[in-house]
Amino acid sequence: MDNGYWILLIFLFLGAFIAGSAIIVGKVLGFPSKDGKHKFEAYECGMETFGNARVQFKVGYVVFALIFLVFDVEALFLFPILVHWKDIVDGTLGIPLWFAFVDLGIFFAVLVAGLAYSWRKGWLKWE
């Protein structure tokens, strides 16, 4: 095998070992689970929950978090091309400038379509 594959296998083994060890140590040394009436209640910020998030915001927290995640990950995908933009313009990376513009155009078109869809559904209204 090539050296790169051995390193990958070692990291996979170490990751599985550390995760498994943490689970086993938690089960062995942890306190026993108690079944009480408060065990399965939602807990946020030490305050008791009230109301229904779906009724208050007309969209669940999950959908709102997914919208945030889409636009947050957008910055992660946009960062590498902007870091190397000077090299793309100079032609030192071997990527044609038109290809970079088409790539960015498609990227922003998908984002604008997602924003328009969310807006049309009323998911961005805060009441």
N, C-alpha and C. Protein backbone atom coordinates (compact mmCIF):
# COMPACT_ATOMS: atom_id res chain seq x y z
N MET A 1 0.84 -1.19 0.00
CA MET A 1 0.00 0.00 0.00
C MET A 1 0.87 1.24 0.00
N ASP A 2 0.31 2.29 -0.55
CA ASP A 2 1.00 3.57 -0.56
C ASP A 2 0.98 4.17 0.85
N ASN A 3 1.94 5.01 1.17
CA ASN A 3 2.03 5.58 2.52
C ASN A 3 0.79 6.38 2.90
N GLY A 4 0.17 7.05 1.93
CA GLY A 4 -1.03 7.83 2.21
C GLY A 4 -2.17 6.98 2.72
N TYR A 5 -2.30 5.75 2.22
CA TYR A 5 -3.38 4.88 2.68
C TYR A 5 -3.13 4.36 4.09
N TRP A 6 -1.87 4.11 4.43
CA TRP A 6 -1.57 3.66 5.80
C TRP A 6 -1.92 4.76 6.79
N ILE A 7 -1.60 6.00 6.46
CA ILE A 7 -1.92 7.11 7.35
C ILE A 7 -3.44 7.23 7.50
N LEU A 8 -4.16 7.07 6.40
CA LEU A 8 -5.62 7.13 6.47
C LEU A 8 -6.18 6.02 7.36
N LEU A 9 -5.67 4.82 7.21
CA LEU A 9 -6.13 3.70 8.04
C LEU A 9 -5.80 3.93 9.51
N ILE A 10 -4.64 4.49 9.79
CA ILE A 10 -4.26 4.76 11.18
C ILE A 10 -5.21 5.79 11.79
N PHE A 11 -5.51 6.86 11.03
CA PHE A 11 -6.43 7.88 11.54
C PHE A 11 -7.83 7.32 11.73
N LEU A 12 -8.31 6.49 10.82
CA LEU A 12 -9.62 5.87 10.98
C LEU A 12 -9.66 4.99 12.23
N PHE A 13 -8.61 4.21 12.44
CA PHE A 13 -8.54 3.34 13.62
C PHE A 13 -8.49 4.19 14.89
N LEU A 14 -7.66 5.23 14.91
CA LEU A 14 -7.56 6.06 16.10
C LEU A 14 -8.88 6.78 16.39
N GLY A 15 -9.56 7.26 15.36
CA GLY A 15 -10.84 7.92 15.57
C GLY A 15 -11.88 6.97 16.15
N ALA A 16 -11.96 5.76 15.60
CA ALA A 16 -12.90 4.77 16.12
C ALA A 16 -12.54 4.36 17.54
N PHE A 17 -11.26 4.22 17.81
CA PHE A 17 -10.80 3.83 19.14
C PHE A 17 -11.15 4.90 20.18
N ILE A 18 -10.88 6.17 19.85
CA ILE A 18 -11.15 7.25 20.80
C ILE A 18 -12.66 7.39 21.03
N ALA A 19 -13.46 7.32 19.97
CA ALA A 19 -14.90 7.42 20.12
C ALA A 19 -15.45 6.25 20.94
N GLY A 20 -14.99 5.05 20.63
CA GLY A 20 -15.45 3.87 21.38
C GLY A 20 -15.01 3.93 22.84
N SER A 21 -13.79 4.38 23.07
CA SER A 21 -13.30 4.49 24.45
C SER A 21 -14.13 5.49 25.24
N ALA A 22 -14.48 6.61 24.64
CA ALA A 22 -15.28 7.61 25.35
C ALA A 22 -16.65 7.05 25.71
N ILE A 23 -17.25 6.29 24.83
CA ILE A 23 -18.56 5.70 25.11
C ILE A 23 -18.46 4.67 26.23
N ILE A 24 -17.44 3.82 26.17
CA ILE A 24 -17.27 2.78 27.19
C ILE A 24 -16.97 3.40 28.55
N VAL A 25 -16.07 4.38 28.60
CA VAL A 25 -15.73 5.03 29.88
C VAL A 25 -16.96 5.73 30.45
N GLY A 26 -17.76 6.36 29.60
CA GLY A 26 -18.98 7.01 30.08
C GLY A 26 -19.97 6.02 30.66
N LYS A 27 -20.09 4.86 30.03
CA LYS A 27 -21.02 3.84 30.55
C LYS A 27 -20.52 3.23 31.86
N VAL A 28 -19.20 3.01 31.96
CA VAL A 28 -18.64 2.36 33.15
C VAL A 28 -18.60 3.32 34.34
N LEU A 29 -18.13 4.54 34.12
CA LEU A 29 -17.94 5.47 35.22
C LEU A 29 -19.11 6.41 35.44
N GLY A 30 -20.05 6.48 34.52
CA GLY A 30 -21.17 7.42 34.63
C GLY A 30 -22.20 6.99 35.65
N PHE A 31 -23.03 7.94 36.00
CA PHE A 31 -24.12 7.66 36.94
C PHE A 31 -25.21 6.87 36.23
N PRO A 32 -25.90 6.00 36.95
CA PRO A 32 -26.99 5.25 36.32
C PRO A 32 -28.13 6.20 35.93
N SER A 33 -28.80 5.85 34.86
CA SER A 33 -29.89 6.67 34.35
C SER A 33 -31.12 6.49 35.21
N LYS A 34 -31.75 7.60 35.52
CA LYS A 34 -32.98 7.56 36.31
C LYS A 34 -34.14 7.95 35.41
N ASP A 35 -35.18 7.17 35.42
CA ASP A 35 -36.37 7.49 34.65
C ASP A 35 -37.30 8.33 35.51
N GLY A 36 -37.39 9.59 35.19
CA GLY A 36 -38.27 10.49 35.93
C GLY A 36 -39.18 11.22 34.96
N LYS A 37 -40.07 12.01 35.54
CA LYS A 37 -41.02 12.71 34.69
C LYS A 37 -40.35 13.84 33.91
N HIS A 38 -39.20 14.33 34.36
CA HIS A 38 -38.52 15.44 33.70
C HIS A 38 -37.45 14.98 32.72
N LYS A 39 -37.24 13.69 32.61
CA LYS A 39 -36.13 13.20 31.79
C LYS A 39 -36.29 13.56 30.32
N PHE A 40 -37.46 13.46 29.77
CA PHE A 40 -37.66 13.65 28.34
C PHE A 40 -38.23 15.04 27.99
N GLU A 41 -38.22 15.96 28.93
CA GLU A 41 -38.68 17.31 28.64
C GLU A 41 -37.57 18.10 27.96
N ALA A 42 -37.96 19.05 27.13
CA ALA A 42 -36.98 19.90 26.47
C ALA A 42 -36.36 20.83 27.51
N TYR A 43 -35.06 21.05 27.40
CA TYR A 43 -34.34 21.90 28.33
C TYR A 43 -33.54 22.92 27.54
N GLU A 44 -33.86 24.18 27.73
CA GLU A 44 -33.13 25.25 27.05
C GLU A 44 -32.87 26.36 28.04
N CYS A 45 -31.64 26.69 28.25
CA CYS A 45 -31.22 27.86 29.03
C CYS A 45 -31.71 27.83 30.47
N GLY A 46 -32.06 26.71 31.00
CA GLY A 46 -32.52 26.64 32.37
C GLY A 46 -33.94 27.13 32.57
N MET A 47 -34.63 27.45 31.50
CA MET A 47 -35.99 27.95 31.60
C MET A 47 -36.97 26.88 31.14
N GLU A 48 -38.13 26.88 31.75
CA GLU A 48 -39.14 25.94 31.30
C GLU A 48 -39.70 26.39 29.96
N THR A 49 -40.02 25.44 29.12
CA THR A 49 -40.52 25.78 27.79
C THR A 49 -41.98 26.20 27.87
N PHE A 50 -42.35 27.08 26.95
CA PHE A 50 -43.75 27.51 26.87
C PHE A 50 -44.07 27.79 25.42
N GLY A 51 -45.29 27.63 25.05
CA GLY A 51 -45.73 27.91 23.69
C GLY A 51 -45.24 26.85 22.71
N ASN A 52 -45.51 27.13 21.45
CA ASN A 52 -45.13 26.23 20.38
C ASN A 52 -44.33 27.02 19.35
N ALA A 53 -43.11 26.60 19.08
CA ALA A 53 -42.24 27.33 18.16
C ALA A 53 -42.83 27.36 16.76
N ARG A 54 -43.50 26.30 16.35
CA ARG A 54 -44.08 26.26 15.01
C ARG A 54 -45.20 27.29 14.86
N VAL A 55 -45.94 27.53 15.90
CA VAL A 55 -47.02 28.50 15.83
C VAL A 55 -46.45 29.91 15.90
N GLN A 56 -45.44 30.13 16.75
CA GLN A 56 -44.90 31.47 16.93
C GLN A 56 -44.19 31.96 15.67
N PHE A 57 -43.39 31.14 15.07
CA PHE A 57 -42.58 31.57 13.94
C PHE A 57 -43.10 31.08 12.60
N LYS A 58 -44.20 30.35 12.60
CA LYS A 58 -44.79 29.76 11.40
C LYS A 58 -43.82 28.84 10.66
N VAL A 59 -42.76 28.48 11.30
CA VAL A 59 -41.81 27.53 10.75
C VAL A 59 -41.02 26.98 11.94
N GLY A 60 -40.67 25.74 11.88
CA GLY A 60 -39.96 25.14 13.00
C GLY A 60 -38.53 25.63 13.09
N TYR A 61 -37.95 25.44 14.25
CA TYR A 61 -36.55 25.81 14.44
C TYR A 61 -35.65 25.06 13.47
N VAL A 62 -36.04 23.85 13.11
CA VAL A 62 -35.20 23.04 12.23
C VAL A 62 -35.10 23.68 10.85
N VAL A 63 -36.21 24.13 10.31
CA VAL A 63 -36.18 24.76 8.98
C VAL A 63 -35.39 26.06 9.04
N PHE A 64 -35.59 26.83 10.09
CA PHE A 64 -34.86 28.08 10.25
C PHE A 64 -33.36 27.81 10.36
N ALA A 65 -32.98 26.76 11.08
CA ALA A 65 -31.57 26.40 11.21
C ALA A 65 -31.00 25.92 9.88
N LEU A 66 -31.79 25.20 9.10
CA LEU A 66 -31.31 24.74 7.79
C LEU A 66 -31.10 25.90 6.83
N ILE A 67 -31.97 26.90 6.88
CA ILE A 67 -31.78 28.08 6.04
C ILE A 67 -30.50 28.78 6.44
N PHE A 68 -30.27 28.93 7.74
CA PHE A 68 -29.03 29.55 8.20
C PHE A 68 -27.82 28.74 7.75
N LEU A 69 -27.93 27.43 7.85
CA LEU A 69 -26.81 26.57 7.47
C LEU A 69 -26.48 26.69 5.99
N VAL A 70 -27.50 26.79 5.14
CA VAL A 70 -27.26 26.93 3.71
C VAL A 70 -26.47 28.20 3.43
N PHE A 71 -26.86 29.30 4.04
CA PHE A 71 -26.18 30.56 3.76
C PHE A 71 -24.86 30.67 4.52
N ASP A 72 -24.67 29.88 5.55
CA ASP A 72 -23.39 29.84 6.24
C ASP A 72 -22.38 29.01 5.45
N VAL A 73 -22.82 27.88 4.93
CA VAL A 73 -21.95 27.02 4.12
C VAL A 73 -21.59 27.71 2.81
N GLU A 74 -22.46 28.62 2.36
CA GLU A 74 -22.16 29.39 1.16
C GLU A 74 -20.84 30.12 1.30
N ALA A 75 -20.58 30.67 2.46
CA ALA A 75 -19.32 31.38 2.67
C ALA A 75 -18.14 30.41 2.61
N LEU A 76 -18.33 29.20 3.09
CA LEU A 76 -17.24 28.21 3.03
C LEU A 76 -16.90 27.83 1.59
N PHE A 77 -17.89 27.71 0.74
CA PHE A 77 -17.63 27.35 -0.65
C PHE A 77 -17.12 28.54 -1.46
N LEU A 78 -17.50 29.73 -1.04
CA LEU A 78 -17.06 30.93 -1.76
C LEU A 78 -15.63 31.32 -1.40
N PHE A 79 -15.19 31.00 -0.21
CA PHE A 79 -13.87 31.41 0.29
C PHE A 79 -12.70 30.94 -0.57
N PRO A 80 -12.62 29.65 -0.95
CA PRO A 80 -11.45 29.21 -1.73
C PRO A 80 -11.31 29.90 -3.08
N ILE A 81 -12.41 30.12 -3.78
CA ILE A 81 -12.27 30.75 -5.09
C ILE A 81 -11.90 32.22 -4.95
N LEU A 82 -12.34 32.86 -3.88
CA LEU A 82 -11.96 34.25 -3.69
C LEU A 82 -10.51 34.39 -3.21
N VAL A 83 -10.02 33.42 -2.48
CA VAL A 83 -8.62 33.44 -2.06
C VAL A 83 -7.70 33.32 -3.27
N HIS A 84 -8.07 32.51 -4.23
CA HIS A 84 -7.24 32.27 -5.41
C HIS A 84 -7.69 33.09 -6.62
N TRP A 85 -8.51 34.12 -6.40
CA TRP A 85 -9.04 34.89 -7.52
C TRP A 85 -7.93 35.55 -8.34
N LYS A 86 -6.90 36.08 -7.66
CA LYS A 86 -5.80 36.73 -8.39
C LYS A 86 -5.08 35.72 -9.28
N ASP A 87 -4.88 34.51 -8.77
CA ASP A 87 -4.23 33.47 -9.57
C ASP A 87 -5.10 33.04 -10.74
N ILE A 88 -6.40 33.05 -10.56
CA ILE A 88 -7.31 32.69 -11.66
C ILE A 88 -7.26 33.75 -12.74
N VAL A 89 -7.27 35.02 -12.34
CA VAL A 89 -7.22 36.12 -13.31
C VAL A 89 -5.88 36.12 -14.05
N ASP A 90 -4.78 35.86 -13.31
CA ASP A 90 -3.45 35.81 -13.94
C ASP A 90 -3.28 34.59 -14.84
N GLY A 91 -4.05 33.57 -14.62
CA GLY A 91 -3.94 32.35 -15.41
C GLY A 91 -2.91 31.37 -14.89
N THR A 92 -2.40 31.58 -13.67
CA THR A 92 -1.38 30.67 -13.13
C THR A 92 -1.98 29.37 -12.62
N LEU A 93 -3.26 29.32 -12.36
CA LEU A 93 -3.89 28.07 -11.90
C LEU A 93 -4.34 27.20 -13.06
N GLY A 94 -4.42 27.76 -14.24
CA GLY A 94 -4.84 26.98 -15.39
C GLY A 94 -6.35 26.89 -15.54
N ILE A 95 -7.07 27.69 -14.75
CA ILE A 95 -8.53 27.72 -14.86
C ILE A 95 -8.90 28.91 -15.72
N PRO A 96 -9.65 28.70 -16.80
CA PRO A 96 -10.06 29.85 -17.63
C PRO A 96 -10.96 30.80 -16.85
N LEU A 97 -10.80 32.07 -17.12
CA LEU A 97 -11.57 33.08 -16.41
C LEU A 97 -13.07 32.93 -16.66
N TRP A 98 -13.45 32.55 -17.87
CA TRP A 98 -14.87 32.38 -18.17
C TRP A 98 -15.47 31.24 -17.34
N PHE A 99 -14.66 30.19 -17.09
CA PHE A 99 -15.13 29.06 -16.30
C PHE A 99 -15.39 29.49 -14.86
N ALA A 100 -14.51 30.34 -14.32
CA ALA A 100 -14.70 30.83 -12.96
C ALA A 100 -15.96 31.67 -12.87
N PHE A 101 -16.21 32.52 -13.88
CA PHE A 101 -17.42 33.34 -13.87
C PHE A 101 -18.67 32.48 -13.99
N VAL A 102 -18.64 31.47 -14.84
CA VAL A 102 -19.80 30.58 -14.98
C VAL A 102 -20.04 29.81 -13.68
N ASP A 103 -18.95 29.36 -13.07
CA ASP A 103 -19.05 28.63 -11.81
C ASP A 103 -19.67 29.52 -10.73
N LEU A 104 -19.19 30.74 -10.60
CA LEU A 104 -19.75 31.66 -9.62
C LEU A 104 -21.19 32.03 -9.96
N GLY A 105 -21.49 32.17 -11.25
CA GLY A 105 -22.85 32.48 -11.65
C GLY A 105 -23.84 31.39 -11.27
N ILE A 106 -23.46 30.15 -11.51
CA ILE A 106 -24.33 29.03 -11.13
C ILE A 106 -24.48 28.96 -9.62
N PHE A 107 -23.39 29.18 -8.91
CA PHE A 107 -23.39 29.15 -7.45
C PHE A 107 -24.36 30.19 -6.89
N PHE A 108 -24.25 31.43 -7.38
CA PHE A 108 -25.13 32.48 -6.90
C PHE A 108 -26.57 32.28 -7.37
N ALA A 109 -26.77 31.70 -8.53
CA ALA A 109 -28.13 31.43 -9.01
C ALA A 109 -28.84 30.43 -8.09
N VAL A 110 -28.13 29.41 -7.65
CA VAL A 110 -28.71 28.44 -6.73
C VAL A 110 -29.04 29.10 -5.39
N LEU A 111 -28.14 29.96 -4.91
CA LEU A 111 -28.40 30.65 -3.65
C LEU A 111 -29.59 31.59 -3.75
N VAL A 112 -29.66 32.34 -4.83
CA VAL A 112 -30.78 33.27 -5.00
C VAL A 112 -32.09 32.48 -5.15
N ALA A 113 -32.05 31.35 -5.82
CA ALA A 113 -33.25 30.52 -5.95
C ALA A 113 -33.69 30.01 -4.58
N GLY A 114 -32.74 29.60 -3.74
CA GLY A 114 -33.07 29.16 -2.39
C GLY A 114 -33.63 30.28 -1.54
N LEU A 115 -33.07 31.47 -1.67
CA LEU A 115 -33.57 32.63 -0.94
C LEU A 115 -34.97 32.99 -1.41
N ALA A 116 -35.20 32.99 -2.72
CA ALA A 116 -36.52 33.31 -3.26
C ALA A 116 -37.56 32.28 -2.80
N TYR A 117 -37.20 31.02 -2.80
CA TYR A 117 -38.13 29.97 -2.36
C TYR A 117 -38.49 30.16 -0.89
N SER A 118 -37.48 30.42 -0.05
CA SER A 118 -37.72 30.62 1.38
C SER A 118 -38.58 31.85 1.61
N TRP A 119 -38.32 32.89 0.86
CA TRP A 119 -39.08 34.13 0.99
C TRP A 119 -40.53 33.92 0.56
N ARG A 120 -40.72 33.21 -0.58
CA ARG A 120 -42.07 32.96 -1.08
C ARG A 120 -42.88 32.10 -0.12
N LYS A 121 -42.23 31.16 0.54
CA LYS A 121 -42.91 30.29 1.50
C LYS A 121 -43.24 31.02 2.79
N GLY A 122 -42.61 32.20 3.00
CA GLY A 122 -42.86 32.97 4.23
C GLY A 122 -42.01 32.52 5.39
N TRP A 123 -40.94 31.82 5.12
CA TRP A 123 -40.08 31.31 6.19
C TRP A 123 -39.16 32.38 6.77
N LEU A 124 -39.02 33.50 6.12
CA LEU A 124 -38.12 34.54 6.59
C LEU A 124 -38.84 35.64 7.34
N LYS A 125 -40.14 35.51 7.55
CA LYS A 125 -40.91 36.53 8.29
C LYS A 125 -40.76 36.26 9.78
N TRP A 126 -40.46 37.31 10.50
CA TRP A 126 -40.31 37.21 11.95
C TRP A 126 -41.42 38.02 12.59
N GLU A 127 -42.26 37.37 13.35
CA GLU A 127 -43.40 38.06 13.96
C GLU A 127 -43.29 37.99 15.46
